[in-house]
């Protein structure tokens, strides 16, 4: 079985408290060789790291989701970078902008976003970007900061239009696709995905959210990334094995701190 990577999930969420060990076992059985559990609150970074230490095939990030940018104590890029020195931490975020819900003020989101970019620049760990209804500001901030100094990154759970995809790719970013791409009403998204080079794609679950078909509406989990990968393989007219091989290679090319399983 060709290995898949779930590049973005939230194993620390209460949804998984009762069956986390079984969930990780199911992921392994489905061919998911690595899972990255993503931080949404920097104040809980130690909890995320401790969770990743419990499982050989779980890695993590540190950062604050834009929803939490107002509530979380503002931290500087160097403080985030210092926490990212832990061996299990392979990325910065998730960070970015969310103007759909706007749970935090836009200005607070932007300040937090820029601090995370600084941390990515300092560590050269990939920036994990959340962008919803904020394509223009997201691209502008990323480009402005890239002009100051380069850093790696990806747009996670991509649902945006072709403009953000193009600008992100032009900066050397990767793009990660979630189960949304399997939904029947997501043809516009699939049309954009087909324009993305195969060597820039990653796959993810964003579990416990956004379960792919045929599990839509249920709690998502890392093993379900195989359904998203299979649908995307069809989209690109390649075998599921080739798609898994390509996206896994892409993951390790971007997340250079991640250790490949023996």
C-alpha atoms as a PDB file:
ATOM      1  CA  UNK A   1       0.000   0.000   0.000  1.00  0.00           C
ATOM      2  CA  UNK A   2       1.384   3.404  -1.004  1.00  0.00           C
ATOM      3  CA  UNK A   3       1.695   5.766   1.932  1.00  0.00           C
ATOM      4  CA  UNK A   4      -0.556   8.805   2.300  1.00  0.00           C
ATOM      5  CA  UNK A   5      -0.040  11.790   4.586  1.00  0.00           C
ATOM      6  CA  UNK A   6      -2.854  13.636   6.341  1.00  0.00           C
ATOM      7  CA  UNK A   7      -1.144  17.013   6.303  1.00  0.00           C
ATOM      8  CA  UNK A   8      -3.753  18.781   8.460  1.00  0.00           C
ATOM      9  CA  UNK A   9      -5.961  17.444  11.256  1.00  0.00           C
ATOM     10  CA  UNK A  10      -6.855  18.407  14.829  1.00  0.00           C
ATOM     11  CA  UNK A  11      -6.277  15.369  17.002  1.00  0.00           C
ATOM     12  CA  UNK A  12      -6.333  17.456  20.185  1.00  0.00           C
ATOM     13  CA  UNK A  13      -9.996  18.389  19.726  1.00  0.00           C
ATOM     14  CA  UNK A  14     -12.546  16.987  22.203  1.00  0.00           C
ATOM     15  CA  UNK A  15     -14.181  15.033  19.352  1.00  0.00           C
ATOM     16  CA  UNK A  16     -11.344  12.512  19.618  1.00  0.00           C
ATOM     17  CA  UNK A  17     -10.880  12.231  23.386  1.00  0.00           C
ATOM     18  CA  UNK A  18     -12.614   8.868  23.723  1.00  0.00           C
ATOM     19  CA  UNK A  19     -11.135   6.961  20.784  1.00  0.00           C
ATOM     20  CA  UNK A  20      -7.916   8.666  19.724  1.00  0.00           C
ATOM     21  CA  UNK A  21      -5.812   5.493  19.884  1.00  0.00           C
ATOM     22  CA  UNK A  22      -8.324   3.592  17.762  1.00  0.00           C
ATOM     23  CA  UNK A  23      -8.525   6.496  15.301  1.00  0.00           C
ATOM     24  CA  UNK A  24      -4.741   6.512  14.834  1.00  0.00           C
ATOM     25  CA  UNK A  25      -4.820   2.740  14.334  1.00  0.00           C
ATOM     26  CA  UNK A  26      -7.520   3.078  11.667  1.00  0.00           C
ATOM     27  CA  UNK A  27      -5.424   5.684   9.881  1.00  0.00           C
ATOM     28  CA  UNK A  28      -2.427   3.371   9.829  1.00  0.00           C
ATOM     29  CA  UNK A  29      -4.573   0.538   8.489  1.00  0.00           C
ATOM     30  CA  UNK A  30      -5.790   2.844   5.695  1.00  0.00           C
ATOM     31  CA  UNK A  31      -2.211   3.581   4.615  1.00  0.00           C
ATOM     32  CA  UNK A  32      -1.832   6.955   6.322  1.00  0.00           C
ATOM     33  CA  UNK A  33       1.814   6.934   7.336  1.00  0.00           C
ATOM     34  CA  UNK A  34       1.916  10.379   8.925  1.00  0.00           C
ATOM     35  CA  UNK A  35      -0.581  12.792  10.456  1.00  0.00           C
ATOM     36  CA  UNK A  36       0.081  16.440  11.281  1.00  0.00           C
ATOM     37  CA  UNK A  37      -2.033  17.726  14.166  1.00  0.00           C
ATOM     38  CA  UNK A  38      -2.412  21.462  13.783  1.00  0.00           C
ATOM     39  CA  UNK A  39      -2.358  24.100  16.507  1.00  0.00           C
ATOM     40  CA  UNK A  40      -5.233  26.576  16.729  1.00  0.00           C
ATOM     41  CA  UNK A  41      -4.142  28.330  19.960  1.00  0.00           C
ATOM     42  CA  UNK A  42      -0.517  29.149  20.664  1.00  0.00           C
ATOM     43  CA  UNK A  43      -1.301  29.134  24.393  1.00  0.00           C
ATOM     44  CA  UNK A  44      -1.950  25.384  24.038  1.00  0.00           C
ATOM     45  CA  UNK A  45       1.185  24.608  22.043  1.00  0.00           C
ATOM     46  CA  UNK A  46       2.630  22.448  24.824  1.00  0.00           C
ATOM     47  CA  UNK A  47      -0.528  20.315  24.771  1.00  0.00           C
ATOM     48  CA  UNK A  48      -0.227  19.841  21.002  1.00  0.00           C
ATOM     49  CA  UNK A  49       3.431  18.876  21.299  1.00  0.00           C
ATOM     50  CA  UNK A  50       2.722  16.438  24.136  1.00  0.00           C
ATOM     51  CA  UNK A  51       0.012  14.768  22.069  1.00  0.00           C
ATOM     52  CA  UNK A  52       2.360  14.363  19.103  1.00  0.00           C
ATOM     53  CA  UNK A  53       4.926  12.742  21.395  1.00  0.00           C
ATOM     54  CA  UNK A  54       2.451   9.955  22.178  1.00  0.00           C
ATOM     55  CA  UNK A  55       2.495   8.659  18.597  1.00  0.00           C
ATOM     56  CA  UNK A  56       5.497   7.994  16.396  1.00  0.00           C
ATOM     57  CA  UNK A  57       3.528   8.880  13.254  1.00  0.00           C
ATOM     58  CA  UNK A  58       1.999  12.148  14.511  1.00  0.00           C
ATOM     59  CA  UNK A  59       3.774  15.474  13.984  1.00  0.00           C
ATOM     60  CA  UNK A  60       2.488  18.955  14.806  1.00  0.00           C
ATOM     61  CA  UNK A  61       2.565  22.703  14.264  1.00  0.00           C
ATOM     62  CA  UNK A  62       2.436  25.689  16.621  1.00  0.00           C
ATOM     63  CA  UNK A  63       0.343  28.805  16.087  1.00  0.00           C
ATOM     64  CA  UNK A  64      -2.998  30.561  16.416  1.00  0.00           C
ATOM     65  CA  UNK A  65      -5.994  30.227  14.101  1.00  0.00           C
ATOM     66  CA  UNK A  66      -7.438  33.555  12.860  1.00  0.00           C
ATOM     67  CA  UNK A  67     -10.647  32.797  14.790  1.00  0.00           C
ATOM     68  CA  UNK A  68      -8.576  32.985  17.992  1.00  0.00           C
ATOM     69  CA  UNK A  69      -6.415  35.980  17.053  1.00  0.00           C
ATOM     70  CA  UNK A  70      -8.383  38.358  19.259  1.00  0.00           C
ATOM     71  CA  UNK A  71      -8.634  36.135  22.315  1.00  0.00           C
ATOM     72  CA  UNK A  72      -5.089  34.790  22.319  1.00  0.00           C
ATOM     73  CA  UNK A  73      -2.366  36.923  23.847  1.00  0.00           C
ATOM     74  CA  UNK A  74      -0.420  38.551  21.049  1.00  0.00           C
ATOM     75  CA  UNK A  75       2.917  36.819  20.590  1.00  0.00           C
ATOM     76  CA  UNK A  76       5.832  37.842  18.451  1.00  0.00           C
ATOM     77  CA  UNK A  77       7.411  35.858  15.686  1.00  0.00           C
ATOM     78  CA  UNK A  78      10.492  35.061  17.737  1.00  0.00           C
ATOM     79  CA  UNK A  79       8.388  33.587  20.560  1.00  0.00           C
ATOM     80  CA  UNK A  80       6.551  31.339  18.099  1.00  0.00           C
ATOM     81  CA  UNK A  81       9.876  30.402  16.504  1.00  0.00           C
ATOM     82  CA  UNK A  82      11.353  29.442  19.884  1.00  0.00           C
ATOM     83  CA  UNK A  83       8.505  26.995  20.512  1.00  0.00           C
ATOM     84  CA  UNK A  84       9.020  25.516  17.038  1.00  0.00           C
ATOM     85  CA  UNK A  85      12.489  24.190  17.909  1.00  0.00           C
ATOM     86  CA  UNK A  86      10.910  21.032  19.341  1.00  0.00           C
ATOM     87  CA  UNK A  87      11.674  17.994  17.172  1.00  0.00           C
ATOM     88  CA  UNK A  88       7.993  17.212  16.561  1.00  0.00           C
ATOM     89  CA  UNK A  89       7.096  20.722  15.359  1.00  0.00           C
ATOM     90  CA  UNK A  90       7.334  20.880  11.572  1.00  0.00           C
ATOM     91  CA  UNK A  91       5.190  23.914  10.673  1.00  0.00           C
ATOM     92  CA  UNK A  92       3.922  27.337  11.773  1.00  0.00           C
ATOM     93  CA  UNK A  93       0.172  27.917  12.134  1.00  0.00           C
ATOM     94  CA  UNK A  94      -2.486  27.576  11.276  1.00  0.00           C
ATOM     95  CA  UNK A  95      -2.691  31.284  10.693  1.00  0.00           C
ATOM     96  CA  UNK A  96      -4.229  33.556   8.088  1.00  0.00           C
ATOM     97  CA  UNK A  97      -7.463  35.463   7.561  1.00  0.00           C
ATOM     98  CA  UNK A  98     -11.119  34.498   7.899  1.00  0.00           C
ATOM     99  CA  UNK A  99     -13.554  37.216   6.846  1.00  0.00           C
ATOM    100  CA  UNK A 100     -16.480  34.786   6.516  1.00  0.00           C
ATOM    101  CA  UNK A 101     -16.997  34.386  10.261  1.00  0.00           C
ATOM    102  CA  UNK A 102     -14.740  37.238  11.431  1.00  0.00           C
ATOM    103  CA  UNK A 103     -14.662  35.835  14.968  1.00  0.00           C
ATOM    104  CA  UNK A 104     -11.682  38.143  15.519  1.00  0.00           C
ATOM    105  CA  UNK A 105     -11.278  41.709  14.288  1.00  0.00           C
ATOM    106  CA  UNK A 106      -9.626  41.939  10.895  1.00  0.00           C
ATOM    107  CA  UNK A 107      -6.763  44.028  12.222  1.00  0.00           C
ATOM    108  CA  UNK A 108      -6.039  41.493  14.981  1.00  0.00           C
ATOM    109  CA  UNK A 109      -6.042  38.730  12.377  1.00  0.00           C
ATOM    110  CA  UNK A 110      -3.579  40.636  10.205  1.00  0.00           C
ATOM    111  CA  UNK A 111      -1.241  41.328  13.140  1.00  0.00           C
ATOM    112  CA  UNK A 112      -1.256  37.654  14.118  1.00  0.00           C
ATOM    113  CA  UNK A 113      -0.751  36.586  10.509  1.00  0.00           C
ATOM    114  CA  UNK A 114       2.336  38.769  10.120  1.00  0.00           C
ATOM    115  CA  UNK A 115       3.812  37.486  13.402  1.00  0.00           C
ATOM    116  CA  UNK A 116       3.445  33.916  12.145  1.00  0.00           C
ATOM    117  CA  UNK A 117       5.072  34.833   8.844  1.00  0.00           C
ATOM    118  CA  UNK A 118       8.005  36.228  10.811  1.00  0.00           C
ATOM    119  CA  UNK A 119       8.256  32.927  12.683  1.00  0.00           C
ATOM    120  CA  UNK A 120       8.209  31.009   9.406  1.00  0.00           C
ATOM    121  CA  UNK A 121      10.914  33.259   8.007  1.00  0.00           C
ATOM    122  CA  UNK A 122      13.061  32.780  11.113  1.00  0.00           C
ATOM    123  CA  UNK A 123      12.685  28.999  11.231  1.00  0.00           C
ATOM    124  CA  UNK A 124      12.137  28.267   7.526  1.00  0.00           C
ATOM    125  CA  UNK A 125       9.328  25.964   8.626  1.00  0.00           C
ATOM    126  CA  UNK A 126       6.289  26.083   6.308  1.00  0.00           C
ATOM    127  CA  UNK A 127       3.573  28.627   7.047  1.00  0.00           C
ATOM    128  CA  UNK A 128       0.152  26.917   7.180  1.00  0.00           C
ATOM    129  CA  UNK A 129      -2.373  29.430   5.856  1.00  0.00           C
ATOM    130  CA  UNK A 130      -6.131  29.512   6.419  1.00  0.00           C
ATOM    131  CA  UNK A 131      -7.916  31.795   3.928  1.00  0.00           C
ATOM    132  CA  UNK A 132     -11.678  32.209   3.760  1.00  0.00           C
ATOM    133  CA  UNK A 133     -13.405  35.090   1.968  1.00  0.00           C
ATOM    134  CA  UNK A 134     -10.117  36.965   2.235  1.00  0.00           C
ATOM    135  CA  UNK A 135      -8.258  36.079  -0.953  1.00  0.00           C
ATOM    136  CA  UNK A 136      -7.064  39.577  -1.833  1.00  0.00           C
ATOM    137  CA  UNK A 137      -5.750  40.525   1.618  1.00  0.00           C
ATOM    138  CA  UNK A 138      -4.214  37.085   2.107  1.00  0.00           C
ATOM    139  CA  UNK A 139      -2.266  37.246  -1.145  1.00  0.00           C
ATOM    140  CA  UNK A 140      -1.217  40.858  -0.569  1.00  0.00           C
ATOM    141  CA  UNK A 141       0.150  40.201   2.914  1.00  0.00           C
ATOM    142  CA  UNK A 142       1.972  37.058   1.777  1.00  0.00           C
ATOM    143  CA  UNK A 143       3.550  38.910  -1.160  1.00  0.00           C
ATOM    144  CA  UNK A 144       4.497  41.970   0.901  1.00  0.00           C
ATOM    145  CA  UNK A 145       6.160  39.770   3.513  1.00  0.00           C
ATOM    146  CA  UNK A 146       7.867  37.635   0.877  1.00  0.00           C
ATOM    147  CA  UNK A 147       9.517  40.797  -0.425  1.00  0.00           C
ATOM    148  CA  UNK A 148      11.027  41.318   3.040  1.00  0.00           C
ATOM    149  CA  UNK A 149      12.423  37.804   3.205  1.00  0.00           C
ATOM    150  CA  UNK A 150      11.485  34.419   1.814  1.00  0.00           C
ATOM    151  CA  UNK A 151       9.672  31.639   3.667  1.00  0.00           C
ATOM    152  CA  UNK A 152       7.969  28.374   2.644  1.00  0.00           C
ATOM    153  CA  UNK A 153       4.251  27.726   2.991  1.00  0.00           C
ATOM    154  CA  UNK A 154       0.971  26.308   1.820  1.00  0.00           C
ATOM    155  CA  UNK A 155      -2.657  27.285   1.550  1.00  0.00           C
ATOM    156  CA  UNK A 156      -4.515  24.651   3.542  1.00  0.00           C
ATOM    157  CA  UNK A 157      -8.058  23.404   2.842  1.00  0.00           C
ATOM    158  CA  UNK A 158      -8.039  25.313  -0.431  1.00  0.00           C
ATOM    159  CA  UNK A 159     -11.484  26.597  -1.463  1.00  0.00           C
ATOM    160  CA  UNK A 160     -10.495  29.874  -3.109  1.00  0.00           C
ATOM    161  CA  UNK A 161     -10.538  31.001  -6.713  1.00  0.00           C
ATOM    162  CA  UNK A 162      -7.865  30.796  -9.407  1.00  0.00           C
ATOM    163  CA  UNK A 163      -6.311  34.161  -8.483  1.00  0.00           C
ATOM    164  CA  UNK A 164      -5.185  33.117  -4.999  1.00  0.00           C
ATOM    165  CA  UNK A 165      -4.003  29.788  -6.378  1.00  0.00           C
ATOM    166  CA  UNK A 166      -1.902  31.530  -9.022  1.00  0.00           C
ATOM    167  CA  UNK A 167      -0.392  34.064  -6.634  1.00  0.00           C
ATOM    168  CA  UNK A 168       0.378  31.411  -4.033  1.00  0.00           C
ATOM    169  CA  UNK A 169       2.024  29.149  -6.598  1.00  0.00           C
ATOM    170  CA  UNK A 170       4.045  32.080  -7.933  1.00  0.00           C
ATOM    171  CA  UNK A 171       5.474  32.509  -4.420  1.00  0.00           C
ATOM    172  CA  UNK A 172       6.504  28.861  -4.328  1.00  0.00           C
ATOM    173  CA  UNK A 173       3.662  27.800  -2.068  1.00  0.00           C
ATOM    174  CA  UNK A 174       1.961  24.433  -2.079  1.00  0.00           C
ATOM    175  CA  UNK A 175      -1.801  23.894  -1.948  1.00  0.00           C
ATOM    176  CA  UNK A 176      -3.557  21.353   0.248  1.00  0.00           C
ATOM    177  CA  UNK A 177      -6.928  19.853  -0.679  1.00  0.00           C
ATOM    178  CA  UNK A 178      -9.569  18.658   1.783  1.00  0.00           C
ATOM    179  CA  UNK A 179     -12.698  16.523   1.496  1.00  0.00           C
ATOM    180  CA  UNK A 180     -14.629  19.503   0.126  1.00  0.00           C
ATOM    181  CA  UNK A 181     -13.235  18.553  -3.283  1.00  0.00           C
ATOM    182  CA  UNK A 182     -15.316  15.357  -3.192  1.00  0.00           C
ATOM    183  CA  UNK A 183     -18.644  17.128  -2.655  1.00  0.00           C
ATOM    184  CA  UNK A 184     -21.114  17.000  -5.536  1.00  0.00           C
ATOM    185  CA  UNK A 185     -21.565  20.785  -5.554  1.00  0.00           C
ATOM    186  CA  UNK A 186     -17.807  21.497  -5.660  1.00  0.00           C
ATOM    187  CA  UNK A 187     -17.262  21.395  -9.423  1.00  0.00           C
ATOM    188  CA  UNK A 188     -15.967  24.986  -9.506  1.00  0.00           C
ATOM    189  CA  UNK A 189     -13.362  24.062  -6.917  1.00  0.00           C
ATOM    190  CA  UNK A 190     -12.364  20.953  -8.860  1.00  0.00           C
ATOM    191  CA  UNK A 191     -11.931  23.105 -11.967  1.00  0.00           C
ATOM    192  CA  UNK A 192      -9.415  25.264 -10.102  1.00  0.00           C
ATOM    193  CA  UNK A 193      -7.662  22.246  -8.584  1.00  0.00           C
ATOM    194  CA  UNK A 194      -7.052  20.840 -12.081  1.00  0.00           C
ATOM    195  CA  UNK A 195      -4.950  23.924 -12.871  1.00  0.00           C
ATOM    196  CA  UNK A 196      -2.578  23.252  -9.959  1.00  0.00           C
ATOM    197  CA  UNK A 197       0.618  21.359 -10.843  1.00  0.00           C
ATOM    198  CA  UNK A 198       0.638  17.863  -9.358  1.00  0.00           C
ATOM    199  CA  UNK A 199       4.005  18.508  -7.738  1.00  0.00           C
ATOM    200  CA  UNK A 200       2.481  21.287  -5.596  1.00  0.00           C
ATOM    201  CA  UNK A 201      -0.492  19.363  -4.155  1.00  0.00           C
ATOM    202  CA  UNK A 202      -1.007  17.953  -0.677  1.00  0.00           C
ATOM    203  CA  UNK A 203      -4.054  16.225   0.819  1.00  0.00           C
ATOM    204  CA  UNK A 204      -5.617  16.632   4.232  1.00  0.00           C
ATOM    205  CA  UNK A 205      -8.740  15.940   6.263  1.00  0.00           C
ATOM    206  CA  UNK A 206      -9.018  18.992   8.553  1.00  0.00           C
ATOM    207  CA  UNK A 207     -10.574  16.412  10.881  1.00  0.00           C
ATOM    208  CA  UNK A 208     -12.929  16.447  12.702  1.00  0.00           C
ATOM    209  CA  UNK A 209     -14.426  18.743  10.035  1.00  0.00           C
ATOM    210  CA  UNK A 210     -15.276  18.321   6.344  1.00  0.00           C
ATOM    211  CA  UNK A 211     -15.564  14.559   5.995  1.00  0.00           C
ATOM    212  CA  UNK A 212     -15.304  13.557   2.333  1.00  0.00           C
ATOM    213  CA  UNK A 213     -17.843  11.554   0.412  1.00  0.00           C
ATOM    214  CA  UNK A 214     -19.093   8.934   1.270  1.00  0.00           C
ATOM    215  CA  UNK A 215     -18.795  10.075   4.902  1.00  0.00           C
ATOM    216  CA  UNK A 216     -20.056  13.633   4.455  1.00  0.00           C
ATOM    217  CA  UNK A 217     -21.919  14.850   7.531  1.00  0.00           C
ATOM    218  CA  UNK A 218     -20.086  12.505   9.879  1.00  0.00           C
ATOM    219  CA  UNK A 219     -17.105  13.185  12.113  1.00  0.00           C
ATOM    220  CA  UNK A 220     -14.017  13.265   9.939  1.00  0.00           C
ATOM    221  CA  UNK A 221     -10.836  11.382  10.813  1.00  0.00           C
ATOM    222  CA  UNK A 222      -7.388  10.897   9.236  1.00  0.00           C
ATOM    223  CA  UNK A 223      -8.204   7.525   7.642  1.00  0.00           C
ATOM    224  CA  UNK A 224     -10.752   9.300   5.429  1.00  0.00           C
ATOM    225  CA  UNK A 225      -7.984  11.142   3.568  1.00  0.00           C
ATOM    226  CA  UNK A 226      -7.846   8.088   1.325  1.00  0.00           C
ATOM    227  CA  UNK A 227     -11.275   8.986  -0.107  1.00  0.00           C
ATOM    228  CA  UNK A 228     -10.136  12.515  -0.979  1.00  0.00           C
ATOM    229  CA  UNK A 229      -6.946  11.185  -2.548  1.00  0.00           C
ATOM    230  CA  UNK A 230      -8.891   8.668  -4.639  1.00  0.00           C
ATOM    231  CA  UNK A 231     -11.255  11.348  -5.964  1.00  0.00           C
ATOM    232  CA  UNK A 232      -8.360  13.650  -6.828  1.00  0.00           C
ATOM    233  CA  UNK A 233      -6.556  10.812  -8.595  1.00  0.00           C
ATOM    234  CA  UNK A 234      -9.635  10.442 -10.795  1.00  0.00           C
ATOM    235  CA  UNK A 235      -9.643  14.183 -11.411  1.00  0.00           C
ATOM    236  CA  UNK A 236      -6.050  14.073 -12.652  1.00  0.00           C
ATOM    237  CA  UNK A 237      -6.609  10.784 -14.483  1.00  0.00           C
ATOM    238  CA  UNK A 238      -3.816   8.933 -12.690  1.00  0.00           C
ATOM    239  CA  UNK A 239      -3.808   5.889 -10.445  1.00  0.00           C
ATOM    240  CA  UNK A 240      -4.496   6.229  -6.727  1.00  0.00           C
ATOM    241  CA  UNK A 241      -1.019   4.801  -6.085  1.00  0.00           C
ATOM    242  CA  UNK A 242       0.687   7.395  -8.272  1.00  0.00           C
ATOM    243  CA  UNK A 243      -1.313  10.189  -6.665  1.00  0.00           C
ATOM    244  CA  UNK A 244      -0.381   8.987  -3.175  1.00  0.00           C
ATOM    245  CA  UNK A 245       3.278   8.732  -4.163  1.00  0.00           C
ATOM    246  CA  UNK A 246       3.283  12.238  -5.654  1.00  0.00           C
ATOM    247  CA  UNK A 247       1.522  13.993  -2.766  1.00  0.00           C
ATOM    248  CA  UNK A 248       3.659  12.209  -0.184  1.00  0.00           C
ATOM    249  CA  UNK A 249       6.816  13.274  -2.017  1.00  0.00           C
ATOM    250  CA  UNK A 250       5.444  16.812  -2.108  1.00  0.00           C
ATOM    251  CA  UNK A 251       4.823  16.728   1.641  1.00  0.00           C
ATOM    252  CA  UNK A 252       8.417  15.807   2.452  1.00  0.00           C
ATOM    253  CA  UNK A 253       9.749  18.340  -0.039  1.00  0.00           C
ATOM    254  CA  UNK A 254       7.825  21.097   1.752  1.00  0.00           C
ATOM    255  CA  UNK A 255       8.017  19.877   5.349  1.00  0.00           C
ATOM    256  CA  UNK A 256      11.745  19.254   5.374  1.00  0.00           C
ATOM    257  CA  UNK A 257      11.866  18.722   9.135  1.00  0.00           C
ATOM    258  CA  UNK A 258       9.507  15.743   8.947  1.00  0.00           C
ATOM    259  CA  UNK A 259      11.167  12.330   9.216  1.00  0.00           C
ATOM    260  CA  UNK A 260      10.087   9.679   6.768  1.00  0.00           C
ATOM    261  CA  UNK A 261       8.854   6.491   8.456  1.00  0.00           C
ATOM    262  CA  UNK A 262      11.290   3.581   8.278  1.00  0.00           C
END
